[in-house]
Amino acid sequence: MSSIEIVTIETPSLGDRSYVAHDGSKAVVVDPQRDIDRVLDVLHANSLEVTHVVETHVHNDYVTGGHALATMLDATYCLNADDEVRFDRVGLKDGDVLESGLMRVRALLTPGHTPTHLSYVLLDAEGNEVGVFTGGSMLFGTVGRPDLIGPHMTMELAQKQFHSVRRIAAEVDDRATVHPTHGFGSHCSATQATKQSSTVGAEKGDNPALVKTEEEFLKELIDGLTPYPTYYRHMAPANVLGPDAFDATPPQTFDLDAVASLLAKGAWVIDLRNRRDFNASFLAGAINAELRNDLPNYLGWMVPFEEHLILVGDDATVLDEAQRMLARIGYDRLQGRMVAEPGAFAGHELERTIRIVNFDGLTLVGSDERTILDVRDTWEYETGHHRDALHIPFHDLPERIGEVPRGRPVWVYCATGARATIAASFLVRSGHEVVLIDDFCLPGDVPGEDRVPAGV
């Protein structure tokens, strides 16, 4: 039995994983995120010394903590030698081997997710291949998407992805466990993982790059690509600079008058309360985004990356967690924060409420008296929608809000109410009167399946 242990560090809010591989004394860290305190906790709990911090690629969906961690621990920081970065690191080539205590790590060139993507094969003291860190290459039953560099390279990278996954399958022991960075909700994955663990041998039975012809694979992969958050375009430029670690120091605390004053001047206020409480009473112009796993993706689509943010939440714990989640994607320019006690906004001149109806309520209003806005993804819209609905996918609303008619209420819906509530708050910020169609926000309702009426 191998003496090597691999500790997984989950980041559900981004659908990613980081890893600490160790022999009980020495450790190698793979693809750490910016809040490196989580890695430090693992190291301290196991009394480990980090010899190397390695990146599979320059990431597009989060700010790395690799450079900061390696600098803090005086460890060797490794990326592909062809990655153009603005800091000192050890550049690796295909086949290079790192030694860390009883472990060896072999770099394997696996382009596809990015042109310079590396995977890392982990070997124990006897030379057994016990695991492979595949980043955005071979994922659990899927692969990393090939279109993040730009449409001009999508087909070329898709072709390389096909052959890279096949290279892993051909050159790595079937018994080696697979440890991808993406695939658990990240938009860096072509589709999402349907299992929580795998081996190289298991992937041979269901990974599309291994069970389909190249032509079938390419068609399925390209046709299945969906939009990804706009903040992605800022991640690689941030990561090539060697970003600092997450700073958990809270920003200054504002009172209601200060928040309202800044909001009136155009500040971006993010209200983290659950949507039922938000819709009952909020400051006009605030964007509602419940503190849930998809918070970074939703805000990374809707809120300009360069803006300074003010966070509003029920308590300090919520505000702290949101600060951490947003810093992972580079939204760390926080102007301030406010704890909103129950009834905090009652009677304020900026206080607003959003009327909530269920889908049955659509039949109560004539089509000439309101605009129905469907903010679901295109594939959802095509499966069935209200016959009078204007379709603007949630992620397109900031750029297409001018297409929403003014002068009459906008009735907005999605599948479960989460995206619709964020869209509704965005519409209020833009001066629209809004009605939210959300069965699950009404008293006594229990979340269930999508009730969007096809052809109503």
Protein backbone atom coordinates (compact mmCIF):
# COMPACT_ATOMS: atom_id res chain seq x y z
CA MET A 1 0.00 0.00 0.00
CA SER A 2 1.34 3.43 -0.96
CA SER A 3 2.47 5.77 1.80
CA ILE A 4 1.34 8.75 -0.26
CA GLU A 5 -1.79 10.66 0.78
CA ILE A 6 -3.70 13.21 -1.29
CA VAL A 7 -5.80 15.76 0.60
CA THR A 8 -8.54 17.47 -1.41
CA ILE A 9 -9.51 21.08 -0.70
CA GLU A 10 -12.95 21.82 -2.14
CA THR A 11 -14.14 25.21 -3.35
CA PRO A 12 -17.85 24.61 -4.01
CA SER A 13 -18.53 28.26 -4.82
CA LEU A 14 -16.40 27.90 -7.95
CA GLY A 15 -16.72 24.17 -8.59
CA ASP A 16 -12.98 23.58 -8.20
CA ARG A 17 -10.55 21.48 -6.19
CA SER A 18 -7.00 22.05 -4.96
CA TYR A 19 -4.74 19.32 -3.60
CA VAL A 20 -2.00 18.62 -1.09
CA ALA A 21 -0.03 15.44 -1.86
CA HIS A 22 2.31 14.30 0.90
CA ASP A 23 4.34 11.39 2.26
CA GLY A 24 3.79 12.29 5.90
CA SER A 25 6.62 14.80 5.92
CA LYS A 26 7.09 16.53 2.57
CA ALA A 27 4.26 17.95 0.46
CA VAL A 28 3.43 19.22 -3.02
CA VAL A 29 0.50 21.63 -3.43
CA VAL A 30 -1.46 21.65 -6.69
CA ASP A 31 -3.55 24.59 -7.96
CA PRO A 32 -4.14 26.42 -4.66
CA GLN A 33 -6.71 29.20 -4.61
CA ARG A 34 -6.12 32.67 -3.27
CA ASP A 35 -7.32 32.01 0.28
CA ILE A 36 -4.24 30.00 1.15
CA ASP A 37 -5.15 29.81 4.83
CA ARG A 38 -7.14 26.68 3.92
CA VAL A 39 -3.95 25.08 2.59
CA LEU A 40 -1.98 26.21 5.62
CA ASP A 41 -4.52 24.53 7.86
CA VAL A 42 -3.91 21.20 6.10
CA LEU A 43 -0.15 21.63 6.33
CA HIS A 44 -0.22 22.47 10.02
CA ALA A 45 -2.64 19.64 10.86
CA ASN A 46 -0.28 17.13 9.25
CA SER A 47 3.06 18.80 10.18
CA LEU A 48 4.07 19.06 6.52
CA GLU A 49 6.85 20.93 4.76
CA VAL A 50 5.97 22.10 1.25
CA THR A 51 8.75 21.62 -1.27
CA HIS A 52 6.83 22.56 -4.44
CA VAL A 53 3.71 24.46 -5.45
CA VAL A 54 2.64 23.54 -8.99
CA GLU A 55 0.04 24.95 -11.35
CA THR A 56 -1.57 22.91 -14.10
CA HIS A 57 -2.28 26.09 -16.05
CA VAL A 58 -2.78 29.84 -15.80
CA HIS A 59 -6.32 29.81 -14.47
CA ASN A 60 -9.30 31.53 -16.04
CA ASP A 61 -11.90 31.09 -13.29
CA TYR A 62 -10.11 32.14 -10.11
CA VAL A 63 -7.18 34.10 -8.74
CA THR A 64 -4.36 31.75 -7.81
CA GLY A 65 -2.75 31.55 -4.41
CA GLY A 66 0.22 29.65 -5.81
CA HIS A 67 2.74 32.45 -5.99
CA ALA A 68 1.79 33.82 -2.57
CA LEU A 69 1.94 30.38 -0.94
CA ALA A 70 5.29 29.45 -2.47
CA THR A 71 6.76 32.81 -1.46
CA MET A 72 5.48 32.50 2.11
CA LEU A 73 6.83 28.96 2.54
CA ASP A 74 10.01 29.40 0.48
CA ALA A 75 8.86 26.56 -1.77
CA THR A 76 9.62 26.09 -5.45
CA TYR A 77 6.85 27.49 -7.66
CA CYS A 78 6.35 25.65 -10.94
CA LEU A 79 4.45 26.35 -14.15
CA ASN A 80 4.96 25.48 -17.78
CA ALA A 81 8.17 27.11 -19.01
CA ASP A 82 6.20 28.56 -21.94
CA ASP A 83 3.77 30.46 -19.70
CA GLU A 84 4.59 34.15 -19.91
CA VAL A 85 4.49 35.42 -16.33
CA ARG A 86 5.98 38.39 -14.52
CA PHE A 87 7.55 36.67 -11.54
CA ASP A 88 10.30 34.18 -10.82
CA ARG A 89 9.33 30.52 -11.05
CA VAL A 90 10.70 27.20 -12.25
CA GLY A 91 9.55 26.58 -15.79
CA LEU A 92 8.70 22.94 -16.51
CA LYS A 93 8.82 21.03 -19.78
CA ASP A 94 7.15 17.81 -20.77
CA GLY A 95 8.74 14.91 -18.88
CA ASP A 96 10.44 16.98 -16.18
CA VAL A 97 10.46 15.27 -12.77
CA LEU A 98 10.26 16.93 -9.35
CA GLU A 99 11.40 15.17 -6.17
CA SER A 100 9.69 15.75 -2.83
CA GLY A 101 10.58 13.41 -0.01
CA LEU A 102 9.43 9.93 -1.01
CA MET A 103 7.40 11.31 -3.91
CA ARG A 104 8.18 12.13 -7.49
CA VAL A 105 6.02 14.27 -9.74
CA ARG A 106 6.32 14.00 -13.53
CA ALA A 107 5.07 16.82 -15.76
CA LEU A 108 2.93 15.72 -18.70
CA LEU A 109 2.11 18.21 -21.47
CA THR A 110 -1.65 18.08 -22.01
CA PRO A 111 -2.77 21.12 -24.03
CA GLY A 112 -6.44 21.66 -24.73
CA HIS A 113 -7.92 23.66 -21.88
CA THR A 114 -5.05 26.08 -22.46
CA PRO A 115 -2.19 25.83 -24.97
CA THR A 116 0.42 25.19 -22.26
CA HIS A 117 -1.58 23.00 -19.89
CA LEU A 118 0.35 20.49 -17.79
CA SER A 119 -0.85 17.44 -15.89
CA TYR A 120 1.22 15.94 -13.09
CA VAL A 121 1.73 12.21 -12.52
CA LEU A 122 2.38 11.35 -8.87
CA LEU A 123 4.73 8.43 -8.12
CA ASP A 124 5.53 6.83 -4.77
CA ALA A 125 8.91 5.63 -3.47
CA GLU A 126 8.63 2.37 -5.44
CA GLY A 127 7.90 4.22 -8.68
CA ASN A 128 4.20 3.32 -8.75
CA GLU A 129 1.95 5.83 -10.45
CA VAL A 130 -0.59 6.46 -7.70
CA GLY A 131 -2.38 9.52 -9.05
CA VAL A 132 -2.52 12.15 -11.75
CA PHE A 133 -3.46 15.81 -11.31
CA THR A 134 -5.27 16.67 -14.51
CA GLY A 135 -6.33 20.30 -13.98
CA GLY A 136 -8.60 21.11 -16.92
CA SER A 137 -7.68 18.14 -19.10
CA MET A 138 -9.19 14.75 -18.16
CA LEU A 139 -12.09 15.46 -15.81
CA PHE A 140 -14.57 13.04 -14.29
CA GLY A 141 -16.49 11.82 -17.31
CA THR A 142 -15.82 15.01 -19.24
CA VAL A 143 -13.04 17.45 -20.23
CA GLY A 144 -12.09 21.06 -19.70
CA ARG A 145 -13.59 23.49 -22.17
CA PRO A 146 -11.30 24.68 -24.99
CA ASP A 147 -12.78 28.11 -25.78
CA LEU A 148 -11.54 30.32 -22.94
CA ILE A 149 -8.50 31.62 -24.80
CA GLY A 150 -10.72 32.90 -27.60
CA PRO A 151 -12.89 31.67 -30.47
CA HIS A 152 -9.93 31.78 -32.85
CA MET A 153 -8.33 28.88 -30.95
CA THR A 154 -11.36 26.86 -29.91
CA MET A 155 -11.21 24.17 -32.59
CA GLU A 156 -7.44 23.79 -32.38
CA LEU A 157 -7.55 23.42 -28.60
CA ALA A 158 -10.52 21.04 -28.79
CA GLN A 159 -8.49 18.79 -31.07
CA LYS A 160 -5.51 18.96 -28.71
CA GLN A 161 -7.78 18.21 -25.76
CA PHE A 162 -8.93 15.00 -27.41
CA HIS A 163 -5.36 13.79 -27.87
CA SER A 164 -4.21 14.99 -24.44
CA VAL A 165 -6.85 12.97 -22.63
CA ARG A 166 -5.91 9.98 -24.74
CA ARG A 167 -2.27 10.52 -23.87
CA ILE A 168 -3.08 10.39 -20.15
CA ALA A 169 -5.06 7.19 -20.68
CA ALA A 170 -2.22 5.62 -22.65
CA GLU A 171 0.71 6.65 -20.47
CA VAL A 172 -0.63 6.58 -16.90
CA ASP A 173 -1.40 3.44 -14.92
CA ASP A 174 -5.08 2.46 -15.00
CA ARG A 175 -5.07 2.25 -11.19
CA ALA A 176 -3.89 5.84 -10.74
CA THR A 177 -6.55 8.07 -9.20
CA VAL A 178 -7.61 11.11 -11.23
CA HIS A 179 -7.57 14.51 -9.51
CA PRO A 180 -8.99 17.29 -11.70
CA THR A 181 -9.18 20.94 -10.72
CA HIS A 182 -12.46 21.59 -12.56
CA GLY A 183 -15.72 19.78 -13.18
CA PHE A 184 -17.75 20.28 -10.00
CA GLY A 185 -19.72 23.35 -11.08
CA SER A 186 -16.95 25.35 -12.71
CA HIS A 187 -17.68 26.89 -16.09
CA CYS A 188 -14.15 25.76 -17.04
CA SER A 189 -15.64 22.29 -17.52
CA ALA A 190 -17.36 21.37 -20.78
CA THR A 191 -20.01 19.53 -18.73
CA GLN A 192 -20.21 18.72 -15.03
CA ALA A 193 -18.91 15.66 -13.24
CA THR A 194 -21.40 12.92 -12.47
CA LYS A 195 -19.14 11.25 -9.89
CA GLN A 196 -16.87 12.35 -7.08
CA SER A 197 -13.85 10.14 -7.75
CA SER A 198 -12.32 8.20 -10.61
CA THR A 199 -9.27 6.39 -11.93
CA VAL A 200 -7.58 6.44 -15.29
CA GLY A 201 -9.01 2.99 -15.97
CA ALA A 202 -12.53 4.08 -15.07
CA GLU A 203 -12.29 7.06 -17.40
CA LYS A 204 -11.65 4.69 -20.27
CA GLY A 205 -15.22 3.50 -19.88
CA ASP A 206 -17.08 6.82 -19.99
CA ASN A 207 -14.91 9.81 -20.82
CA PRO A 208 -16.09 11.18 -24.18
CA ALA A 209 -12.54 11.69 -25.39
CA LEU A 210 -11.91 7.99 -24.85
CA VAL A 211 -15.17 6.39 -26.00
CA LYS A 212 -16.02 8.53 -29.02
CA THR A 213 -14.32 9.10 -32.34
CA GLU A 214 -12.49 12.39 -32.70
CA GLU A 215 -15.20 13.69 -35.03
CA GLU A 216 -17.97 12.76 -32.59
CA PHE A 217 -16.05 14.21 -29.67
CA LEU A 218 -15.38 17.53 -31.38
CA LYS A 219 -18.97 17.99 -32.50
CA GLU A 220 -20.39 17.19 -29.08
CA LEU A 221 -17.85 19.38 -27.30
CA ILE A 222 -18.20 22.44 -29.54
CA ASP A 223 -21.99 22.21 -29.80
CA GLY A 224 -22.33 21.90 -26.03
CA LEU A 225 -20.32 24.97 -25.05
CA THR A 226 -22.35 27.44 -22.99
CA PRO A 227 -21.64 31.05 -21.97
CA TYR A 228 -19.22 31.64 -19.11
CA PRO A 229 -18.97 34.55 -16.65
CA THR A 230 -17.54 37.80 -17.95
CA TYR A 231 -15.10 38.05 -15.04
CA TYR A 232 -13.11 35.21 -16.62
CA ARG A 233 -11.41 37.66 -18.96
CA HIS A 234 -9.69 39.27 -15.98
CA MET A 235 -8.33 36.13 -14.30
CA ALA A 236 -5.40 35.18 -16.53
CA PRO A 237 -4.06 38.78 -16.60
CA ALA A 238 -4.23 38.83 -12.79
CA ASN A 239 -2.57 35.44 -12.43
CA VAL A 240 0.44 36.21 -14.61
CA LEU A 241 1.29 39.04 -12.20
CA GLY A 242 1.67 36.76 -9.17
CA PRO A 243 -1.29 37.98 -7.09
CA ASP A 244 -1.23 38.51 -3.34
CA ALA A 245 -2.96 36.13 -0.95
CA PHE A 246 -6.46 36.82 0.31
CA ASP A 247 -6.62 39.52 2.97
CA ALA A 248 -9.47 38.79 5.40
CA THR A 249 -9.35 42.25 7.00
CA PRO A 250 -12.93 43.60 6.89
CA PRO A 251 -13.53 46.94 5.18
CA GLN A 252 -14.96 49.82 7.17
CA THR A 253 -18.47 49.52 8.58
CA PHE A 254 -21.09 51.90 7.21
CA ASP A 255 -24.39 52.94 8.70
CA LEU A 256 -27.62 53.15 6.69
CA ASP A 257 -27.25 56.80 5.79
CA ALA A 258 -23.74 56.27 4.45
CA VAL A 259 -24.81 53.28 2.32
CA ALA A 260 -27.85 55.14 0.98
CA SER A 261 -25.78 58.21 0.16
CA LEU A 262 -23.20 56.18 -1.75
CA LEU A 263 -25.92 54.17 -3.49
CA ALA A 264 -27.60 57.37 -4.67
CA LYS A 265 -24.27 58.35 -6.23
CA GLY A 266 -24.09 55.09 -8.20
CA ALA A 267 -22.16 52.83 -5.84
CA TRP A 268 -22.57 49.07 -6.24
CA VAL A 269 -24.26 47.71 -3.14
CA ILE A 270 -24.51 43.91 -2.93
CA ASP A 271 -27.34 42.78 -0.64
CA LEU A 272 -26.59 39.21 0.48
CA ARG A 273 -29.84 38.51 2.31
CA ASN A 274 -32.17 35.75 1.17
CA ARG A 275 -34.46 36.88 -1.60
CA ARG A 276 -37.65 36.73 0.46
CA ASP A 277 -36.25 39.27 2.95
CA PHE A 278 -34.73 41.38 0.18
CA ASN A 279 -37.92 41.62 -1.84
CA ALA A 280 -39.85 42.66 1.26
CA SER A 281 -37.62 45.68 1.93
CA PHE A 282 -34.43 46.91 0.26
CA LEU A 283 -32.66 50.04 -0.91
CA ALA A 284 -33.41 50.88 -4.54
CA GLY A 285 -30.27 50.24 -6.60
CA ALA A 286 -28.90 47.43 -4.44
CA ILE A 287 -28.25 44.13 -6.22
CA ASN A 288 -29.59 41.07 -4.46
CA ALA A 289 -27.32 38.03 -4.47
CA GLU A 290 -28.03 35.45 -1.81
CA LEU A 291 -24.99 33.99 -0.09
CA ARG A 292 -24.90 30.62 -1.85
CA ASN A 293 -22.36 28.62 -3.82
CA ASP A 294 -23.07 30.35 -7.12
CA LEU A 295 -22.59 33.86 -5.71
CA PRO A 296 -19.22 34.48 -7.44
CA ASN A 297 -20.46 33.34 -10.85
CA TYR A 298 -23.64 35.40 -10.66
CA LEU A 299 -21.94 38.58 -9.52
CA GLY A 300 -19.02 37.96 -11.87
CA TRP A 301 -21.52 38.19 -14.70
CA MET A 302 -23.51 41.20 -13.51
CA VAL A 303 -21.18 43.57 -11.63
CA PRO A 304 -18.40 45.47 -13.43
CA PHE A 305 -15.05 44.01 -12.41
CA GLU A 306 -13.37 47.32 -11.68
CA GLU A 307 -16.07 48.61 -9.30
CA HIS A 308 -15.67 49.05 -5.55
CA LEU A 309 -18.38 47.13 -3.70
CA ILE A 310 -20.39 47.67 -0.53
CA LEU A 311 -21.64 44.47 1.09
CA VAL A 312 -24.89 44.27 3.06
CA GLY A 313 -25.82 41.16 5.04
CA ASP A 314 -27.68 39.78 8.04
CA ASP A 315 -24.56 39.39 10.17
CA ALA A 316 -20.79 39.64 10.14
CA THR A 317 -20.34 35.94 9.34
CA VAL A 318 -22.23 36.35 6.08
CA LEU A 319 -20.19 39.41 5.18
CA ASP A 320 -16.91 37.64 5.97
CA GLU A 321 -17.77 34.64 3.83
CA ALA A 322 -18.89 36.80 0.91
CA GLN A 323 -15.65 38.76 1.13
CA ARG A 324 -13.68 35.52 0.87
CA MET A 325 -15.77 34.17 -2.02
CA LEU A 326 -15.48 37.39 -4.01
CA ALA A 327 -11.74 37.75 -3.39
CA ARG A 328 -11.22 34.36 -5.03
CA ILE A 329 -12.31 35.92 -8.32
CA GLY A 330 -10.55 39.24 -7.83
CA TYR A 331 -13.45 41.28 -6.44
CA ASP A 332 -11.50 42.51 -3.44
CA ARG A 333 -12.05 46.24 -3.84
CA LEU A 334 -14.49 46.58 -0.95
CA GLN A 335 -15.52 50.12 -0.03
CA GLY A 336 -17.38 49.07 3.09
CA ARG A 337 -20.05 46.87 4.60
CA MET A 338 -23.22 47.03 6.66
CA VAL A 339 -25.05 44.59 8.93
CA ALA A 340 -28.76 44.93 8.16
CA GLU A 341 -30.93 44.17 11.17
CA PRO A 342 -34.58 43.20 10.54
CA GLY A 343 -36.51 46.30 9.45
CA ALA A 344 -33.30 48.23 8.80
CA PHE A 345 -34.64 49.95 5.67
CA ALA A 346 -38.22 50.59 6.83
CA GLY A 347 -39.37 54.11 6.06
CA HIS A 348 -36.20 55.17 4.25
CA GLU A 349 -36.74 57.26 1.14
CA LEU A 350 -34.89 54.67 -0.95
CA GLU A 351 -36.81 51.72 0.46
CA ARG A 352 -38.51 49.59 -2.17
CA THR A 353 -40.37 46.30 -2.30
CA ILE A 354 -40.85 43.88 -5.18
CA ARG A 355 -44.26 42.31 -5.66
CA ILE A 356 -44.12 38.52 -5.94
CA VAL A 357 -46.60 36.36 -7.84
CA ASN A 358 -46.63 32.72 -8.89
CA PHE A 359 -46.76 31.52 -12.48
CA ASP A 360 -50.53 31.26 -12.32
CA GLY A 361 -50.60 35.02 -11.83
CA LEU A 362 -49.46 35.54 -15.42
CA THR A 363 -53.00 34.93 -16.64
CA LEU A 364 -54.33 37.84 -14.58
CA VAL A 365 -52.69 40.60 -16.60
CA GLY A 366 -53.11 41.36 -20.29
CA SER A 367 -50.08 41.14 -22.55
CA ASP A 368 -50.39 44.82 -23.50
CA GLU A 369 -50.13 45.92 -19.86
CA ARG A 370 -46.76 44.41 -18.96
CA THR A 371 -43.55 42.91 -20.33
CA ILE A 372 -42.77 39.31 -19.45
CA LEU A 373 -39.02 38.75 -19.24
CA ASP A 374 -37.51 35.25 -19.34
CA VAL A 375 -33.90 35.37 -18.06
CA ARG A 376 -33.11 31.66 -18.35
CA ASP A 377 -30.40 30.27 -20.60
CA THR A 378 -31.22 29.72 -24.25
CA TRP A 379 -31.44 25.94 -23.92
CA GLU A 380 -33.94 26.37 -21.07
CA TYR A 381 -36.00 28.85 -23.05
CA GLU A 382 -36.14 26.51 -26.02
CA THR A 383 -37.58 23.69 -23.90
CA GLY A 384 -40.67 25.81 -23.18
CA HIS A 385 -41.55 29.42 -22.35
CA HIS A 386 -44.41 31.86 -22.04
CA ARG A 387 -45.68 32.74 -25.48
CA ASP A 388 -45.35 36.49 -24.85
CA ALA A 389 -41.96 36.37 -23.16
CA LEU A 390 -39.06 38.57 -24.13
CA HIS A 391 -35.99 36.39 -23.80
CA ILE A 392 -32.78 37.93 -22.49
CA PRO A 393 -30.50 35.40 -20.77
CA PHE A 394 -29.55 36.46 -17.28
CA HIS A 395 -25.90 36.93 -18.18
CA ASP A 396 -26.75 39.20 -21.13
CA LEU A 397 -28.98 41.58 -19.18
CA PRO A 398 -26.33 44.20 -18.31
CA GLU A 399 -25.54 44.76 -21.99
CA ARG A 400 -29.09 44.31 -23.30
CA ILE A 401 -31.13 46.08 -20.66
CA GLY A 402 -31.96 48.77 -23.21
CA GLU A 403 -34.15 46.18 -24.99
CA VAL A 404 -36.52 46.02 -22.01
CA PRO A 405 -39.47 48.36 -22.70
CA ARG A 406 -40.05 51.19 -20.27
CA GLY A 407 -43.30 52.64 -19.05
CA ARG A 408 -44.92 49.39 -17.93
CA PRO A 409 -44.13 46.71 -15.34
CA VAL A 410 -41.61 44.00 -16.12
CA TRP A 411 -42.66 40.54 -14.94
CA VAL A 412 -39.45 38.52 -14.70
CA TYR A 413 -38.94 34.79 -14.22
CA CYS A 414 -36.28 32.08 -14.38
CA ALA A 415 -36.44 28.42 -13.32
CA THR A 416 -36.29 28.67 -9.52
CA GLY A 417 -36.36 32.40 -8.79
CA ALA A 418 -32.69 32.93 -7.93
CA ARG A 419 -31.57 34.47 -11.22
CA ALA A 420 -34.88 36.28 -11.62
CA THR A 421 -34.42 38.01 -8.25
CA ILE A 422 -30.95 39.23 -9.17
CA ALA A 423 -32.29 40.38 -12.54
CA ALA A 424 -35.23 42.09 -10.82
CA SER A 425 -32.91 44.05 -8.53
CA PHE A 426 -30.80 45.00 -11.56
CA LEU A 427 -33.95 46.21 -13.36
CA VAL A 428 -34.97 48.30 -10.33
CA ARG A 429 -31.49 49.83 -10.33
CA SER A 430 -32.13 50.81 -13.95
CA GLY A 431 -35.44 52.47 -13.13
CA HIS A 432 -37.94 49.74 -14.05
CA GLU A 433 -41.06 48.74 -12.16
CA VAL A 434 -40.73 45.01 -11.52
CA VAL A 435 -42.92 42.07 -10.58
CA LEU A 436 -41.10 38.87 -9.63
CA ILE A 437 -42.57 35.53 -10.69
CA ASP A 438 -41.28 33.18 -8.02
CA ASP A 439 -43.40 30.37 -6.58
CA PHE A 440 -40.66 29.48 -4.11
CA CYS A 441 -40.59 32.90 -2.47
CA LEU A 442 -44.24 32.82 -1.45
CA PRO A 443 -45.14 31.82 2.12
CA GLY A 444 -45.69 28.09 2.44
CA ASP A 445 -44.20 27.19 -0.91
CA VAL A 446 -41.68 24.38 -1.15
CA PRO A 447 -38.97 24.43 -3.87
CA GLY A 448 -39.72 21.96 -6.62
CA GLU A 449 -39.39 21.58 -10.34
CA ASP A 450 -39.52 24.42 -12.84
CA ARG A 451 -43.10 25.50 -13.40
CA VAL A 452 -42.56 27.75 -16.43
CA PRO A 453 -45.71 27.21 -18.53
CA ALA A 454 -44.83 26.27 -22.08
CA GLY A 455 -47.02 27.96 -24.65
CA VAL A 456 -49.26 29.79 -22.16
